[in-house]
Amino acid sequence: MLRLLVCLWLLVHRGSSYEVQNKPVTEDCLDCLCETMSGCNASAICVNGACGIFRITWGYWVEAGKLTLPTDTALSEDAFTNCVNQPHCAANTVQNYMFKHGQDCNRDDHIDCLDFGALHKLGNLKCQEELPYIYAKVFNRCLKSKDRLVEENIIKEQERVST
């Protein structure tokens, strides 16, 4: 009987944590995904079945491994909405999805944030298709802004070191 209970517990709790080991998406890239999808609006909201700051769908959440908050299990009725409406759990859901499905969507011979943006919006089977114009415009503007900040910080650090 104890063995059966342990097996059931493992089945229910497998994948139930929202901490992940492999995180291929940078913080800057997550910021741009968030900004593009929702303006980083952290209010618990679902729009046409897509929820949270990254506008994650139930299918995406399932593909990413059904991460949950510590108070939920993957079988909990509200596990999906609770996770994707909590920014840390939602970000780890994105990380898991990208780790599982990461691919060179734009065919430039390396996987980077541009690919993650396409994967997030179009899914792993259609990421090589053209992104919607507004999505691409907002996402690319955000990435360029992040790149400028990195360059400015490098220059400031070089100036600080040389003085």
N, C-alpha and C. Protein backbone atom coordinates (compact mmCIF):
# COMPACT_ATOMS: atom_id res chain seq x y z
N MET A 1 0.83 -1.20 0.00
CA MET A 1 0.00 0.00 0.00
C MET A 1 0.88 1.27 0.00
N LEU A 2 1.90 1.25 0.85
CA LEU A 2 2.80 2.41 0.92
C LEU A 2 3.47 2.64 -0.43
N ARG A 3 3.86 1.56 -1.10
CA ARG A 3 4.50 1.68 -2.41
C ARG A 3 3.54 2.32 -3.42
N LEU A 4 2.28 1.94 -3.40
CA LEU A 4 1.28 2.53 -4.27
C LEU A 4 1.12 4.02 -3.99
N LEU A 5 1.08 4.40 -2.72
CA LEU A 5 0.95 5.81 -2.36
C LEU A 5 2.16 6.62 -2.83
N VAL A 6 3.35 6.06 -2.68
CA VAL A 6 4.56 6.75 -3.13
C VAL A 6 4.52 6.94 -4.65
N CYS A 7 4.11 5.90 -5.38
CA CYS A 7 4.02 6.01 -6.85
C CYS A 7 2.99 7.05 -7.26
N LEU A 8 1.86 7.07 -6.59
CA LEU A 8 0.84 8.09 -6.88
C LEU A 8 1.36 9.48 -6.57
N TRP A 9 2.05 9.64 -5.44
CA TRP A 9 2.59 10.95 -5.08
C TRP A 9 3.59 11.42 -6.13
N LEU A 10 4.47 10.51 -6.58
CA LEU A 10 5.46 10.88 -7.60
C LEU A 10 4.78 11.25 -8.92
N LEU A 11 3.73 10.53 -9.28
CA LEU A 11 3.01 10.82 -10.51
C LEU A 11 2.37 12.21 -10.45
N VAL A 12 1.75 12.52 -9.33
CA VAL A 12 1.07 13.81 -9.18
C VAL A 12 2.07 14.95 -9.10
N HIS A 13 3.20 14.75 -8.45
CA HIS A 13 4.15 15.83 -8.22
C HIS A 13 5.23 15.95 -9.27
N ARG A 14 5.30 15.02 -10.20
CA ARG A 14 6.32 15.11 -11.23
C ARG A 14 6.08 16.37 -12.06
N GLY A 15 7.08 17.23 -12.14
CA GLY A 15 6.96 18.46 -12.90
C GLY A 15 6.16 19.53 -12.19
N SER A 16 5.92 19.34 -10.89
CA SER A 16 5.04 20.28 -10.21
C SER A 16 5.78 21.48 -9.63
N SER A 17 7.06 21.47 -9.64
CA SER A 17 7.81 22.61 -9.14
C SER A 17 7.97 23.63 -10.25
N TYR A 18 8.12 24.89 -9.87
CA TYR A 18 8.33 25.86 -10.93
C TYR A 18 9.77 26.30 -11.03
N GLU A 19 10.68 25.61 -10.34
CA GLU A 19 12.11 25.87 -10.50
C GLU A 19 12.62 25.01 -11.64
N VAL A 20 13.43 25.58 -12.50
CA VAL A 20 13.96 24.83 -13.64
C VAL A 20 15.48 24.92 -13.65
N GLN A 21 16.10 23.91 -14.24
CA GLN A 21 17.56 23.83 -14.30
C GLN A 21 18.12 24.55 -15.52
N ASN A 22 17.54 24.30 -16.67
CA ASN A 22 18.09 24.80 -17.93
C ASN A 22 17.35 26.05 -18.35
N LYS A 23 18.08 27.14 -18.45
CA LYS A 23 17.47 28.43 -18.78
C LYS A 23 18.19 29.06 -19.98
N PRO A 24 17.74 28.72 -21.19
CA PRO A 24 18.42 29.24 -22.38
C PRO A 24 18.07 30.69 -22.70
N VAL A 25 17.01 31.23 -22.13
CA VAL A 25 16.54 32.57 -22.47
C VAL A 25 17.12 33.58 -21.47
N THR A 26 17.77 34.62 -21.99
CA THR A 26 18.35 35.65 -21.12
C THR A 26 17.25 36.50 -20.48
N GLU A 27 17.62 37.19 -19.42
CA GLU A 27 16.67 38.10 -18.76
C GLU A 27 16.20 39.19 -19.73
N ASP A 28 17.13 39.72 -20.53
CA ASP A 28 16.74 40.75 -21.50
C ASP A 28 15.73 40.20 -22.50
N CYS A 29 15.94 38.99 -22.95
CA CYS A 29 15.02 38.38 -23.90
C CYS A 29 13.66 38.15 -23.24
N LEU A 30 13.65 37.66 -22.01
CA LEU A 30 12.38 37.50 -21.28
C LEU A 30 11.67 38.85 -21.14
N ASP A 31 12.44 39.89 -20.83
CA ASP A 31 11.85 41.23 -20.71
C ASP A 31 11.17 41.63 -22.03
N CYS A 32 11.82 41.36 -23.14
CA CYS A 32 11.25 41.75 -24.44
C CYS A 32 10.04 40.90 -24.80
N LEU A 33 10.07 39.62 -24.45
CA LEU A 33 8.88 38.78 -24.67
C LEU A 33 7.71 39.30 -23.86
N CYS A 34 7.97 39.63 -22.63
CA CYS A 34 6.94 40.17 -21.73
C CYS A 34 6.41 41.50 -22.26
N GLU A 35 7.32 42.38 -22.63
CA GLU A 35 6.93 43.70 -23.13
C GLU A 35 6.09 43.58 -24.40
N THR A 36 6.48 42.68 -25.28
CA THR A 36 5.79 42.52 -26.55
C THR A 36 4.42 41.88 -26.37
N MET A 37 4.34 40.90 -25.50
CA MET A 37 3.09 40.15 -25.35
C MET A 37 2.04 40.91 -24.55
N SER A 38 2.46 41.62 -23.49
CA SER A 38 1.45 42.21 -22.58
C SER A 38 1.80 43.60 -22.07
N GLY A 39 2.93 44.13 -22.50
CA GLY A 39 3.40 45.36 -21.88
C GLY A 39 3.84 45.12 -20.44
N CYS A 40 4.13 43.86 -20.13
CA CYS A 40 4.51 43.41 -18.78
C CYS A 40 3.44 43.74 -17.75
N ASN A 41 2.20 43.70 -18.17
CA ASN A 41 1.07 43.92 -17.27
C ASN A 41 0.94 42.71 -16.35
N ALA A 42 1.30 42.87 -15.08
CA ALA A 42 1.35 41.75 -14.15
C ALA A 42 0.01 41.42 -13.50
N SER A 43 -1.05 42.09 -13.91
CA SER A 43 -2.34 41.73 -13.32
C SER A 43 -2.74 40.35 -13.85
N ALA A 44 -3.34 39.55 -12.97
CA ALA A 44 -3.73 38.20 -13.35
C ALA A 44 -4.87 38.28 -14.36
N ILE A 45 -4.52 38.06 -15.60
CA ILE A 45 -5.51 38.23 -16.66
C ILE A 45 -5.29 37.20 -17.76
N CYS A 46 -6.39 36.79 -18.36
CA CYS A 46 -6.33 35.91 -19.53
C CYS A 46 -7.08 36.60 -20.66
N VAL A 47 -6.48 36.59 -21.85
CA VAL A 47 -7.10 37.16 -23.03
C VAL A 47 -7.19 36.07 -24.08
N ASN A 48 -8.40 35.68 -24.43
CA ASN A 48 -8.61 34.60 -25.40
C ASN A 48 -7.83 33.34 -25.05
N GLY A 49 -7.79 32.99 -23.78
CA GLY A 49 -7.13 31.77 -23.34
C GLY A 49 -5.63 31.89 -23.14
N ALA A 50 -5.06 33.05 -23.38
CA ALA A 50 -3.63 33.29 -23.18
C ALA A 50 -3.48 34.15 -21.93
N CYS A 51 -2.69 33.68 -20.97
CA CYS A 51 -2.69 34.29 -19.65
C CYS A 51 -1.31 34.80 -19.22
N GLY A 52 -1.34 35.77 -18.31
CA GLY A 52 -0.15 36.27 -17.67
C GLY A 52 0.66 37.23 -18.54
N ILE A 53 1.80 37.61 -18.01
CA ILE A 53 2.64 38.61 -18.68
C ILE A 53 3.20 38.12 -20.01
N PHE A 54 3.28 36.79 -20.19
CA PHE A 54 3.79 36.24 -21.45
C PHE A 54 2.66 35.73 -22.34
N ARG A 55 1.42 35.88 -21.88
CA ARG A 55 0.24 35.40 -22.62
C ARG A 55 0.42 33.94 -23.05
N ILE A 56 0.61 33.09 -22.05
CA ILE A 56 0.83 31.66 -22.25
C ILE A 56 -0.51 30.94 -22.35
N THR A 57 -0.61 30.05 -23.32
CA THR A 57 -1.82 29.25 -23.48
C THR A 57 -1.68 27.94 -22.71
N TRP A 58 -2.80 27.27 -22.53
CA TRP A 58 -2.80 25.99 -21.82
C TRP A 58 -1.90 24.99 -22.55
N GLY A 59 -2.00 24.92 -23.89
CA GLY A 59 -1.18 23.98 -24.65
C GLY A 59 0.32 24.24 -24.50
N TYR A 60 0.70 25.49 -24.50
CA TYR A 60 2.11 25.90 -24.31
C TYR A 60 2.58 25.44 -22.93
N TRP A 61 1.73 25.69 -21.91
CA TRP A 61 2.05 25.29 -20.53
C TRP A 61 2.23 23.78 -20.45
N VAL A 62 1.37 23.02 -21.10
CA VAL A 62 1.48 21.56 -21.11
C VAL A 62 2.79 21.15 -21.78
N GLU A 63 3.08 21.73 -22.95
CA GLU A 63 4.33 21.43 -23.67
C GLU A 63 5.56 21.75 -22.84
N ALA A 64 5.46 22.76 -21.99
CA ALA A 64 6.59 23.18 -21.15
C ALA A 64 6.74 22.34 -19.90
N GLY A 65 5.84 21.41 -19.67
CA GLY A 65 5.99 20.51 -18.53
C GLY A 65 5.04 20.73 -17.38
N LYS A 66 4.02 21.55 -17.57
CA LYS A 66 3.00 21.79 -16.53
C LYS A 66 3.61 22.24 -15.20
N LEU A 67 4.45 23.27 -15.24
CA LEU A 67 5.01 23.79 -14.01
C LEU A 67 3.89 24.34 -13.14
N THR A 68 4.08 24.23 -11.83
CA THR A 68 3.07 24.72 -10.91
C THR A 68 3.72 25.49 -9.77
N LEU A 69 2.90 26.24 -9.08
CA LEU A 69 3.34 26.88 -7.84
C LEU A 69 3.47 25.80 -6.77
N PRO A 70 4.26 26.05 -5.73
CA PRO A 70 4.44 25.03 -4.68
C PRO A 70 3.13 24.60 -4.01
N THR A 71 2.13 25.45 -4.04
CA THR A 71 0.85 25.12 -3.40
C THR A 71 -0.08 24.31 -4.29
N ASP A 72 0.31 24.07 -5.55
CA ASP A 72 -0.52 23.34 -6.51
C ASP A 72 0.15 22.04 -6.93
N THR A 73 -0.61 21.21 -7.61
CA THR A 73 -0.07 20.08 -8.36
C THR A 73 -0.55 20.27 -9.80
N ALA A 74 0.05 19.53 -10.71
CA ALA A 74 -0.35 19.64 -12.11
C ALA A 74 -1.81 19.24 -12.32
N LEU A 75 -2.36 18.51 -11.35
CA LEU A 75 -3.76 18.08 -11.45
C LEU A 75 -4.73 19.08 -10.83
N SER A 76 -4.21 20.11 -10.16
CA SER A 76 -5.08 21.11 -9.55
C SER A 76 -5.87 21.84 -10.63
N GLU A 77 -7.11 22.16 -10.32
CA GLU A 77 -7.98 22.81 -11.29
C GLU A 77 -7.41 24.14 -11.78
N ASP A 78 -6.79 24.89 -10.89
CA ASP A 78 -6.27 26.21 -11.23
C ASP A 78 -4.75 26.24 -11.45
N ALA A 79 -4.12 25.09 -11.58
CA ALA A 79 -2.66 25.03 -11.69
C ALA A 79 -2.14 25.86 -12.85
N PHE A 80 -2.77 25.75 -14.01
CA PHE A 80 -2.34 26.50 -15.19
C PHE A 80 -2.41 28.00 -14.94
N THR A 81 -3.58 28.50 -14.58
CA THR A 81 -3.73 29.96 -14.42
C THR A 81 -2.91 30.49 -13.25
N ASN A 82 -2.78 29.70 -12.19
CA ASN A 82 -1.97 30.14 -11.05
C ASN A 82 -0.51 30.31 -11.45
N CYS A 83 0.02 29.37 -12.22
CA CYS A 83 1.42 29.45 -12.63
C CYS A 83 1.65 30.58 -13.62
N VAL A 84 0.90 30.60 -14.70
CA VAL A 84 1.20 31.57 -15.76
C VAL A 84 0.85 33.00 -15.38
N ASN A 85 0.07 33.18 -14.34
CA ASN A 85 -0.22 34.53 -13.84
C ASN A 85 0.76 34.95 -12.74
N GLN A 86 1.69 34.08 -12.37
CA GLN A 86 2.74 34.41 -11.40
C GLN A 86 4.03 34.58 -12.22
N PRO A 87 4.63 35.77 -12.24
CA PRO A 87 5.74 36.04 -13.16
C PRO A 87 6.91 35.06 -13.12
N HIS A 88 7.32 34.61 -11.94
CA HIS A 88 8.46 33.70 -11.86
C HIS A 88 8.12 32.34 -12.46
N CYS A 89 6.96 31.82 -12.12
CA CYS A 89 6.52 30.53 -12.68
C CYS A 89 6.31 30.65 -14.19
N ALA A 90 5.75 31.77 -14.63
CA ALA A 90 5.54 31.99 -16.05
C ALA A 90 6.87 32.06 -16.80
N ALA A 91 7.85 32.77 -16.24
CA ALA A 91 9.17 32.86 -16.88
C ALA A 91 9.82 31.49 -16.97
N ASN A 92 9.68 30.68 -15.94
CA ASN A 92 10.24 29.34 -15.98
C ASN A 92 9.50 28.44 -16.97
N THR A 93 8.22 28.70 -17.17
CA THR A 93 7.47 27.98 -18.20
C THR A 93 8.05 28.31 -19.57
N VAL A 94 8.32 29.58 -19.80
CA VAL A 94 8.95 29.99 -21.07
C VAL A 94 10.32 29.32 -21.21
N GLN A 95 11.10 29.33 -20.15
CA GLN A 95 12.43 28.69 -20.19
C GLN A 95 12.32 27.22 -20.57
N ASN A 96 11.40 26.50 -19.94
CA ASN A 96 11.23 25.08 -20.24
C ASN A 96 10.80 24.86 -21.69
N TYR A 97 9.87 25.69 -22.16
CA TYR A 97 9.39 25.56 -23.53
C TYR A 97 10.55 25.78 -24.51
N MET A 98 11.34 26.80 -24.27
CA MET A 98 12.44 27.11 -25.18
C MET A 98 13.55 26.06 -25.10
N PHE A 99 13.78 25.52 -23.90
CA PHE A 99 14.78 24.46 -23.78
C PHE A 99 14.33 23.23 -24.56
N LYS A 100 13.05 22.91 -24.47
CA LYS A 100 12.51 21.73 -25.13
C LYS A 100 12.43 21.92 -26.66
N HIS A 101 12.03 23.09 -27.11
CA HIS A 101 11.75 23.31 -28.53
C HIS A 101 12.73 24.24 -29.23
N GLY A 102 13.79 24.68 -28.55
CA GLY A 102 14.72 25.63 -29.14
C GLY A 102 15.21 25.18 -30.51
N GLN A 103 15.12 26.07 -31.47
CA GLN A 103 15.55 25.78 -32.84
C GLN A 103 15.86 27.08 -33.57
N ASP A 104 16.56 26.94 -34.67
CA ASP A 104 16.97 28.10 -35.46
C ASP A 104 15.83 28.50 -36.41
N CYS A 105 14.90 29.26 -35.89
CA CYS A 105 13.69 29.63 -36.64
C CYS A 105 13.99 30.55 -37.82
N ASN A 106 14.98 31.43 -37.68
CA ASN A 106 15.27 32.38 -38.76
C ASN A 106 16.43 31.92 -39.65
N ARG A 107 16.89 30.70 -39.43
CA ARG A 107 17.91 30.06 -40.28
C ARG A 107 19.21 30.86 -40.40
N ASP A 108 19.65 31.43 -39.27
CA ASP A 108 20.92 32.17 -39.30
C ASP A 108 22.05 31.38 -38.63
N ASP A 109 21.84 30.11 -38.44
CA ASP A 109 22.83 29.17 -37.90
C ASP A 109 23.15 29.33 -36.42
N HIS A 110 22.33 30.02 -35.68
CA HIS A 110 22.45 29.99 -34.22
C HIS A 110 21.10 30.30 -33.58
N ILE A 111 20.92 29.77 -32.39
CA ILE A 111 19.66 29.96 -31.67
C ILE A 111 19.84 31.10 -30.67
N ASP A 112 19.00 32.12 -30.82
CA ASP A 112 19.10 33.29 -29.95
C ASP A 112 17.71 33.85 -29.66
N CYS A 113 17.66 35.03 -29.12
CA CYS A 113 16.40 35.64 -28.72
C CYS A 113 15.44 35.83 -29.89
N LEU A 114 15.96 36.11 -31.07
CA LEU A 114 15.08 36.25 -32.24
C LEU A 114 14.32 34.95 -32.49
N ASP A 115 15.01 33.84 -32.31
CA ASP A 115 14.36 32.54 -32.47
C ASP A 115 13.35 32.30 -31.35
N PHE A 116 13.71 32.67 -30.12
CA PHE A 116 12.79 32.49 -29.00
C PHE A 116 11.53 33.34 -29.18
N GLY A 117 11.70 34.52 -29.75
CA GLY A 117 10.54 35.37 -30.02
C GLY A 117 9.59 34.72 -31.02
N ALA A 118 10.15 34.12 -32.06
CA ALA A 118 9.34 33.43 -33.06
C ALA A 118 8.70 32.17 -32.47
N LEU A 119 9.46 31.42 -31.69
CA LEU A 119 8.91 30.23 -31.04
C LEU A 119 7.76 30.58 -30.11
N HIS A 120 7.95 31.64 -29.36
CA HIS A 120 6.92 32.03 -28.39
C HIS A 120 5.63 32.44 -29.09
N LYS A 121 5.74 33.21 -30.14
CA LYS A 121 4.55 33.72 -30.83
C LYS A 121 3.91 32.69 -31.76
N LEU A 122 4.74 31.95 -32.50
CA LEU A 122 4.22 31.07 -33.55
C LEU A 122 4.18 29.59 -33.18
N GLY A 123 4.92 29.21 -32.12
CA GLY A 123 4.97 27.80 -31.74
C GLY A 123 6.09 27.08 -32.45
N ASN A 124 6.41 25.90 -31.94
CA ASN A 124 7.58 25.17 -32.45
C ASN A 124 7.39 24.62 -33.86
N LEU A 125 6.18 24.43 -34.29
CA LEU A 125 5.96 23.87 -35.64
C LEU A 125 5.87 24.94 -36.71
N LYS A 126 5.66 26.19 -36.33
CA LYS A 126 5.48 27.26 -37.32
C LYS A 126 6.46 28.42 -37.14
N CYS A 127 7.49 28.23 -36.32
CA CYS A 127 8.35 29.36 -35.99
C CYS A 127 9.14 29.92 -37.17
N GLN A 128 9.21 29.18 -38.27
CA GLN A 128 9.93 29.69 -39.44
C GLN A 128 9.06 30.56 -40.32
N GLU A 129 7.78 30.66 -39.99
CA GLU A 129 6.87 31.52 -40.74
C GLU A 129 7.09 32.98 -40.35
N GLU A 130 6.50 33.87 -41.10
CA GLU A 130 6.66 35.30 -40.84
C GLU A 130 5.88 35.73 -39.60
N LEU A 131 6.53 36.52 -38.77
CA LEU A 131 5.88 37.05 -37.57
C LEU A 131 4.88 38.14 -37.94
N PRO A 132 3.82 38.28 -37.17
CA PRO A 132 2.91 39.41 -37.40
C PRO A 132 3.70 40.72 -37.30
N TYR A 133 3.37 41.67 -38.15
CA TYR A 133 4.14 42.91 -38.27
C TYR A 133 4.29 43.65 -36.93
N ILE A 134 3.19 43.88 -36.24
CA ILE A 134 3.25 44.65 -34.99
C ILE A 134 4.08 43.92 -33.95
N TYR A 135 3.90 42.61 -33.83
CA TYR A 135 4.69 41.83 -32.88
C TYR A 135 6.17 41.98 -33.18
N ALA A 136 6.55 41.78 -34.44
CA ALA A 136 7.96 41.88 -34.84
C ALA A 136 8.51 43.27 -34.57
N LYS A 137 7.72 44.30 -34.86
CA LYS A 137 8.17 45.68 -34.67
C LYS A 137 8.44 45.97 -33.18
N VAL A 138 7.51 45.61 -32.33
CA VAL A 138 7.67 45.87 -30.88
C VAL A 138 8.82 45.03 -30.32
N PHE A 139 8.87 43.76 -30.70
CA PHE A 139 9.91 42.87 -30.19
C PHE A 139 11.30 43.34 -30.61
N ASN A 140 11.47 43.65 -31.89
CA ASN A 140 12.77 44.11 -32.38
C ASN A 140 13.18 45.44 -31.78
N ARG A 141 12.23 46.35 -31.58
CA ARG A 141 12.54 47.63 -30.95
C ARG A 141 13.04 47.40 -29.52
N CYS A 142 12.39 46.51 -28.80
CA CYS A 142 12.82 46.20 -27.44
C CYS A 142 14.23 45.62 -27.43
N LEU A 143 14.51 44.67 -28.32
CA LEU A 143 15.84 44.07 -28.38
C LEU A 143 16.91 45.11 -28.70
N LYS A 144 16.62 46.01 -29.62
CA LYS A 144 17.59 47.06 -29.95
C LYS A 144 17.83 47.97 -28.76
N SER A 145 16.79 48.27 -28.02
CA SER A 145 16.93 49.09 -26.81
C SER A 145 17.82 48.39 -25.78
N LYS A 146 17.63 47.10 -25.62
CA LYS A 146 18.46 46.32 -24.69
C LYS A 146 19.91 46.32 -25.15
N ASP A 147 20.13 46.15 -26.45
CA ASP A 147 21.50 46.15 -26.99
C ASP A 147 22.19 47.49 -26.74
N ARG A 148 21.45 48.59 -26.92
CA ARG A 148 22.02 49.92 -26.67
C ARG A 148 22.43 50.07 -25.21
N LEU A 149 21.60 49.58 -24.30
CA LEU A 149 21.92 49.67 -22.88
C LEU A 149 23.17 48.86 -22.54
N VAL A 150 23.30 47.69 -23.14
CA VAL A 150 24.49 46.86 -22.91
C VAL A 150 25.73 47.59 -23.41
N GLU A 151 25.64 48.16 -24.61
CA GLU A 151 26.79 48.89 -25.17
C GLU A 151 27.16 50.08 -24.30
N GLU A 152 26.17 50.83 -23.83
CA GLU A 152 26.43 51.98 -22.96
C GLU A 152 27.09 51.54 -21.66
N ASN A 153 26.65 50.42 -21.09
CA ASN A 153 27.24 49.92 -19.85
C ASN A 153 28.68 49.46 -20.06
N ILE A 154 28.96 48.86 -21.21
CA ILE A 154 30.33 48.44 -21.52
C ILE A 154 31.23 49.66 -21.63
N ILE A 155 30.77 50.69 -22.31
CA ILE A 155 31.56 51.92 -22.45
C ILE A 155 31.81 52.55 -21.09
N LYS A 156 30.77 52.63 -20.25
CA LYS A 156 30.93 53.20 -18.91
C LYS A 156 31.93 52.40 -18.09
N GLU A 157 31.85 51.08 -18.18
CA GLU A 157 32.78 50.23 -17.43
C GLU A 157 34.20 50.42 -17.94
N GLN A 158 34.40 50.53 -19.25
CA GLN A 158 35.74 50.74 -19.80
C GLN A 158 36.28 52.09 -19.35
N GLU A 159 35.43 53.12 -19.31
CA GLU A 159 35.86 54.44 -18.85
C GLU A 159 36.22 54.40 -17.37
N ARG A 160 35.44 53.67 -16.58
CA ARG A 160 35.69 53.57 -15.15
C ARG A 160 37.02 52.85 -14.89
N VAL A 161 37.30 51.78 -15.63
CA VAL A 161 38.51 51.01 -15.45
C VAL A 161 39.74 51.82 -15.87
N SER A 162 39.60 52.61 -16.93
CA SER A 162 40.77 53.35 -17.45
C SER A 162 41.10 54.59 -16.63
N THR A 163 40.24 54.99 -15.70
CA THR A 163 40.56 56.18 -14.88
C THR A 163 41.14 55.83 -13.55
